[in-house]
Protein backbone atom coordinates (compact mmCIF):
# COMPACT_ATOMS: atom_id res chain seq x y z
CA MET A 1 152.49 50.33 125.00
CA PRO A 2 155.03 51.78 122.58
CA LEU A 3 154.11 52.61 119.04
CA SER A 4 154.73 49.84 116.54
CA PRO A 5 157.30 50.54 113.81
CA SER A 6 154.57 50.51 111.19
CA SER A 7 152.50 53.18 112.92
CA ALA A 8 154.99 55.49 114.60
CA PRO A 9 157.19 58.29 113.33
CA THR A 10 160.79 57.14 113.28
CA VAL A 11 162.26 60.27 114.82
CA SER A 12 163.69 58.89 118.05
CA ILE A 13 166.97 60.86 118.14
CA ASP A 14 167.84 64.51 118.41
CA PRO A 15 167.76 65.93 114.86
CA VAL A 16 170.55 68.35 115.78
CA LYS A 17 174.16 67.13 115.68
CA ASP A 18 177.67 68.51 115.81
CA VAL A 19 179.40 67.11 112.73
CA VAL A 20 183.08 66.58 111.91
CA LEU A 21 184.85 65.17 108.86
CA ALA A 22 184.65 61.59 110.18
CA THR A 23 180.87 61.78 110.61
CA PHE A 24 180.01 63.96 107.60
CA ASN A 25 179.13 61.01 105.38
CA ASP A 26 176.71 59.45 107.89
CA ASP A 27 175.23 62.59 109.43
CA VAL A 28 174.86 64.60 106.23
CA LEU A 29 175.04 62.54 103.04
CA GLU A 30 173.34 59.37 104.30
CA ALA A 31 170.95 61.21 106.63
CA SER A 32 169.77 63.29 103.68
CA ARG A 33 168.38 60.15 102.04
CA SER A 34 165.31 60.39 104.27
CA ALA A 35 165.28 64.03 105.43
CA VAL A 36 166.47 67.48 104.46
CA VAL A 37 169.77 68.11 106.24
CA LEU A 38 170.70 71.71 106.92
CA VAL A 39 174.49 72.06 107.19
CA ASP A 40 175.25 75.07 109.35
CA PHE A 41 178.82 76.39 109.04
CA TRP A 42 179.29 78.49 112.14
CA LEU A 43 181.61 79.91 114.76
CA PRO A 44 180.26 79.08 118.24
CA ARG A 45 181.84 82.24 119.70
CA ASP A 46 180.23 84.54 117.10
CA SER A 47 176.95 86.13 118.24
CA ALA A 48 175.45 86.28 114.74
CA CYS A 49 176.23 82.60 114.19
CA LYS A 50 174.72 81.69 117.55
CA GLN A 51 171.54 83.58 116.70
CA LEU A 52 171.13 81.83 113.35
CA THR A 53 171.96 78.41 114.78
CA ALA A 54 169.31 78.81 117.48
CA SER A 55 166.70 79.51 114.79
CA LEU A 56 167.80 76.49 112.75
CA GLU A 57 167.70 74.22 115.80
CA LYS A 58 164.13 75.29 116.52
CA LEU A 59 163.08 74.57 112.94
CA ALA A 60 164.74 71.16 112.93
CA ARG A 61 163.24 70.08 116.25
CA GLY A 62 159.80 71.26 115.20
CA SER A 63 159.84 69.60 111.79
CA LYS A 64 158.50 66.17 112.84
CA GLY A 65 161.51 64.40 111.37
CA ALA A 66 161.52 66.15 108.01
CA VAL A 67 164.59 68.27 108.80
CA ARG A 68 167.90 67.61 110.52
CA LEU A 69 170.61 70.06 111.41
CA ALA A 70 174.35 69.37 111.06
CA LYS A 71 176.43 72.00 112.87
CA ILE A 72 180.01 72.37 111.64
CA ASP A 73 182.52 74.47 113.56
CA VAL A 74 184.56 76.11 110.79
CA GLU A 75 187.69 76.50 112.92
CA ARG A 76 187.88 72.78 113.61
CA ASN A 77 186.81 71.44 110.22
CA GLN A 78 188.92 73.17 107.57
CA PRO A 79 188.93 70.18 105.17
CA ILE A 80 185.12 70.34 104.92
CA ILE A 81 185.24 74.13 104.51
CA ARG A 82 187.64 73.83 101.57
CA GLN A 83 185.67 70.99 99.99
CA MET A 84 182.37 72.89 100.22
CA GLY A 85 183.90 76.18 99.11
CA VAL A 86 182.59 78.09 102.13
CA THR A 87 183.93 81.64 102.11
CA SER A 88 181.94 83.30 104.90
CA VAL A 89 180.11 82.44 108.09
CA PRO A 90 177.44 81.85 108.90
CA SER A 91 176.56 79.82 105.79
CA VAL A 92 173.81 77.23 105.46
CA PHE A 93 173.52 74.47 102.85
CA ALA A 94 170.44 72.29 102.38
CA PHE A 95 171.21 68.67 101.43
CA TYR A 96 168.74 66.09 100.12
CA GLN A 97 169.36 62.68 98.58
CA GLY A 98 173.10 63.08 99.11
CA ARG A 99 173.56 66.38 97.31
CA PRO A 100 173.28 70.11 98.10
CA LEU A 101 170.08 71.74 96.82
CA ASP A 102 170.34 75.34 97.94
CA ALA A 103 172.26 77.63 100.28
CA PHE A 104 172.38 81.07 101.81
CA ALA A 105 174.99 83.10 103.68
CA GLY A 106 174.60 85.60 106.49
CA ILE A 107 171.71 86.28 108.82
CA LEU A 108 168.12 86.10 107.57
CA PRO A 109 164.91 86.85 109.49
CA ASP A 110 163.25 83.74 110.90
CA ALA A 111 160.27 84.19 108.58
CA GLU A 112 162.51 84.19 105.49
CA ILE A 113 164.38 81.13 106.68
CA LYS A 114 161.10 79.29 107.24
CA THR A 115 159.83 80.25 103.79
CA TRP A 116 163.11 79.11 102.23
CA LEU A 117 162.91 75.79 104.07
CA ASP A 118 159.21 75.29 103.35
CA ASN A 119 159.93 75.65 99.63
CA ILE A 120 162.63 73.00 99.86
CA LEU A 121 160.35 70.63 101.77
CA LYS A 122 157.58 71.17 99.26
CA THR A 123 159.92 70.52 96.35
CA THR A 124 161.51 67.41 97.85
CA GLY A 125 158.48 65.97 99.63
CA ALA A 126 160.75 65.19 102.58
CA GLY A 127 159.11 64.02 105.77
CA GLY A 128 156.15 62.34 104.07
CA GLU A 129 156.68 58.99 105.78
CA GLU A 130 156.99 60.61 109.21
CA LYS A 131 153.79 62.60 108.69
CA ALA A 132 151.95 59.51 107.49
CA GLY A 133 153.15 57.56 110.52
CA LEU A 134 152.06 60.32 112.85
CA LYS A 135 148.61 60.43 111.23
CA THR A 136 148.28 56.67 111.69
CA ALA A 137 149.32 56.93 115.33
CA PHE A 138 146.67 59.56 116.03
CA LYS A 139 144.04 57.47 114.28
CA GLN A 140 144.93 54.43 116.38
CA ALA A 141 144.84 56.46 119.60
CA ALA A 142 141.41 57.86 118.74
CA GLU A 143 140.09 54.38 117.96
CA HIS A 144 141.37 53.01 121.27
CA LEU A 145 139.86 55.94 123.14
CA ALA A 146 136.51 55.44 121.41
CA ARG A 147 136.54 51.77 122.46
CA GLY A 148 137.27 52.72 126.04
CA ASP A 149 140.86 51.44 125.95
CA ILE A 150 142.13 54.55 127.68
CA ALA A 151 145.47 53.06 128.75
CA THR A 152 146.53 52.28 125.17
CA ALA A 153 145.35 55.64 123.87
CA ARG A 154 147.25 57.41 126.64
CA ALA A 155 150.42 55.46 125.85
CA ILE A 156 150.27 56.43 122.16
CA TYR A 157 149.70 60.11 122.92
CA ALA A 158 152.53 60.02 125.47
CA ASP A 159 154.88 58.42 122.94
CA ILE A 160 154.12 61.18 120.45
CA LEU A 161 154.81 63.82 123.10
CA ASP A 162 158.10 62.10 123.97
CA MET A 163 159.17 62.74 120.39
CA GLU A 164 157.47 66.12 119.95
CA LYS A 165 157.28 68.00 123.23
CA GLU A 166 154.92 70.65 121.87
CA ASN A 167 152.50 68.55 119.83
CA ALA A 168 149.17 70.19 120.64
CA ALA A 169 147.05 67.35 119.27
CA ALA A 170 148.81 64.76 121.45
CA TYR A 171 148.54 67.04 124.48
CA ALA A 172 144.82 67.40 123.78
CA GLY A 173 144.57 63.63 123.45
CA LEU A 174 146.01 63.08 126.92
CA ALA A 175 143.52 65.57 128.33
CA ARG A 176 140.68 63.70 126.60
CA CYS A 177 141.87 60.51 128.29
CA LEU A 178 141.39 62.23 131.64
CA ILE A 179 137.94 63.44 130.61
CA GLN A 180 136.90 59.93 129.61
CA GLU A 181 138.06 58.71 133.01
CA ASN A 182 135.83 61.44 134.50
CA LYS A 183 138.88 63.15 135.97
CA ILE A 184 137.61 66.58 135.07
CA PRO A 185 139.62 68.63 137.62
CA GLU A 186 142.81 66.92 136.45
CA ALA A 187 141.94 67.67 132.80
CA ARG A 188 141.29 71.31 133.70
CA LYS A 189 144.67 71.56 135.45
CA MET A 190 146.40 69.99 132.46
CA LEU A 191 144.82 72.49 130.08
CA ASP A 192 145.69 75.40 132.36
CA ALA A 193 149.31 74.17 132.45
CA ALA A 194 149.65 73.79 128.67
CA PRO A 195 153.03 75.05 127.37
CA ALA A 196 152.87 78.60 126.06
CA ALA A 197 153.72 77.43 122.52
CA ILE A 198 150.50 75.38 122.26
CA ALA A 199 148.21 76.99 124.84
CA LYS A 200 146.20 78.80 122.14
CA ASP A 201 146.31 76.00 119.57
CA LYS A 202 142.94 75.10 118.06
CA ALA A 203 143.55 71.45 118.98
CA LEU A 204 142.88 72.37 122.61
CA ASP A 205 139.66 74.30 121.92
CA SER A 206 137.38 71.27 121.73
CA VAL A 207 139.00 69.78 124.83
CA ARG A 208 138.36 72.99 126.75
CA ALA A 209 134.76 72.84 125.57
CA ALA A 210 134.51 69.23 126.75
CA VAL A 211 135.84 70.19 130.17
CA GLU A 212 133.43 73.12 130.45
CA VAL A 213 130.46 70.95 129.45
CA ALA A 214 131.53 68.23 131.88
CA GLU A 215 131.86 70.76 134.69
CA GLU A 216 128.40 72.13 133.93
CA ALA A 217 126.88 68.67 133.57
CA GLY A 218 128.47 67.59 136.85
CA LYS A 219 125.96 69.77 138.70
CA SER A 220 123.18 67.43 137.50
CA GLU A 221 125.12 64.21 138.00
CA GLY A 222 123.08 61.40 139.56
CA GLN A 223 119.77 63.22 139.10
CA ALA A 224 118.61 61.54 135.89
CA GLU A 225 116.02 59.27 137.50
CA LYS A 226 114.49 62.11 139.52
CA LEU A 227 114.38 64.40 136.48
CA GLU A 228 112.87 61.68 134.30
CA ALA A 229 110.03 61.27 136.80
CA ALA A 230 109.41 65.01 136.90
CA LEU A 231 109.44 65.28 133.10
CA LYS A 232 106.98 62.40 132.83
CA GLN A 233 104.59 64.38 134.98
CA ASN A 234 105.02 67.52 132.89
CA PRO A 235 106.59 67.05 129.41
CA ASP A 236 106.42 70.81 128.85
CA ASP A 237 108.75 71.58 131.77
CA HIS A 238 111.58 72.92 129.63
CA GLU A 239 113.94 73.59 132.51
CA THR A 240 113.66 69.99 133.69
CA ARG A 241 114.27 68.67 130.16
CA PHE A 242 117.36 70.86 129.86
CA ALA A 243 118.65 69.62 133.24
CA LEU A 244 117.94 66.03 132.21
CA ALA A 245 120.10 66.47 129.11
CA LEU A 246 122.99 67.57 131.31
CA ALA A 247 122.37 64.68 133.71
CA TYR A 248 122.50 62.24 130.79
CA TYR A 249 125.74 63.82 129.60
CA ALA A 250 127.24 63.49 133.08
CA ALA A 251 126.29 59.81 133.05
CA GLY A 252 128.00 59.25 129.70
CA ARG A 253 124.69 58.97 127.83
CA LYS A 254 125.63 61.48 125.15
CA GLU A 255 123.08 60.41 122.54
CA ASP A 256 120.27 60.65 125.10
CA ALA A 257 121.53 64.09 126.11
CA VAL A 258 121.46 65.25 122.50
CA ASP A 259 117.99 63.76 122.00
CA GLN A 260 116.58 65.75 124.92
CA LEU A 261 118.03 69.00 123.68
CA LEU A 262 116.82 68.41 120.13
CA ASP A 263 113.37 67.69 121.53
CA LEU A 264 113.54 70.93 123.50
CA VAL A 265 114.52 72.87 120.37
CA ARG A 266 111.58 71.26 118.57
CA ARG A 267 109.16 72.17 121.37
CA ALA A 268 110.41 75.66 122.22
CA ARG A 269 113.45 76.80 120.27
CA ALA A 270 113.30 80.32 121.72
CA TRP A 271 113.09 79.16 125.34
CA ASN A 272 115.62 80.86 127.60
CA ASP A 273 117.14 82.78 124.69
CA GLY A 274 117.75 79.63 122.65
CA ALA A 275 119.53 77.80 125.49
CA ALA A 276 118.95 74.33 124.04
CA ARG A 277 120.48 75.18 120.68
CA LYS A 278 123.43 76.91 122.34
CA GLN A 279 124.02 73.88 124.57
CA LEU A 280 123.94 71.62 121.54
CA VAL A 281 126.64 73.74 119.92
CA LYS A 282 128.74 73.29 123.06
CA PHE A 283 128.18 69.54 122.85
CA PHE A 284 129.26 69.48 119.22
CA GLU A 285 132.42 71.40 120.01
CA ALA A 286 133.16 69.05 122.91
CA PHE A 287 132.57 65.91 120.80
CA GLY A 288 134.69 67.27 117.93
CA SER A 289 133.51 68.32 114.48
CA SER A 290 134.24 64.92 112.90
CA ASP A 291 132.57 62.82 115.61
CA PRO A 292 129.72 60.75 114.09
CA LEU A 293 127.32 61.98 116.78
CA THR A 294 128.18 65.58 115.95
CA VAL A 295 127.68 65.02 112.23
CA SER A 296 124.31 63.28 112.60
CA SER A 297 123.05 65.65 115.29
CA ARG A 298 123.92 68.74 113.28
CA LYS A 299 121.80 67.40 110.44
CA ARG A 300 118.91 66.74 112.81
CA LEU A 301 119.22 70.23 114.31
CA SER A 302 119.25 71.83 110.86
CA SER A 303 116.17 69.84 109.89
CA ILE A 304 114.33 71.18 112.95
CA LEU A 305 115.47 74.78 112.55
CA PHE A 306 114.71 75.04 108.85
CA SER A 307 111.61 72.93 108.61
């Protein structure tokens, strides 16, 4: 299911374009009504120009629609060169709302270019609608996933990735879809194959934790009834209670799993070097810090620990 216009970012085209006099009005002046347009005056055969252009392309494609890049070959577009008063290449002009805001000439380090662009974006507020749309899309995906509508959630995350190939949060969302389908090996493979640019992103940390917990809980899968019977016979069997928590988790009974661990912390917080508390922390990381179960369970754990 594609994203609806009201909830999706509108960036469906490549933000990088080769521009000539005939397209300057549309691709620079009009395009700058909704985004910052960087006009790159360059010589394709010049190594310094190629280096700068590559940096600008990366910034534009990673800007979530806030920035577009118009590349102008100075040898083929002399009328634009004269009109803009360009005297050296490479030169870069930033346009917004149909007019130039700032410019620089020559090669700058990537960090300086990013700082320069960030200041422009902050001043103009460009990209606000795209960011708001993206936030709404993520919210909708999370809601669908929470309701068990995995197919719709997956479609939304996939649509975001179609537009932003290295969106770590969307990549993590797709992995969570696999986890909810109990396809743990597939989720592990997906995380292991994450693109280098997002492999260490914090958005993937909680998903890795969820996979690790699921793998650990899988060892107790299907044993809940047996463990319940054993615990009924001996409520002080801490190892059985711990195993039962994992069995509940494997069965999708997350609240019951948390309850057993909290009870174990209450009964014997130091047992097995604080294993129950440590497992709860793993659960919280797997659920996500904003998950209602995490929030309520953290409060309950604190109440036990500091009572």
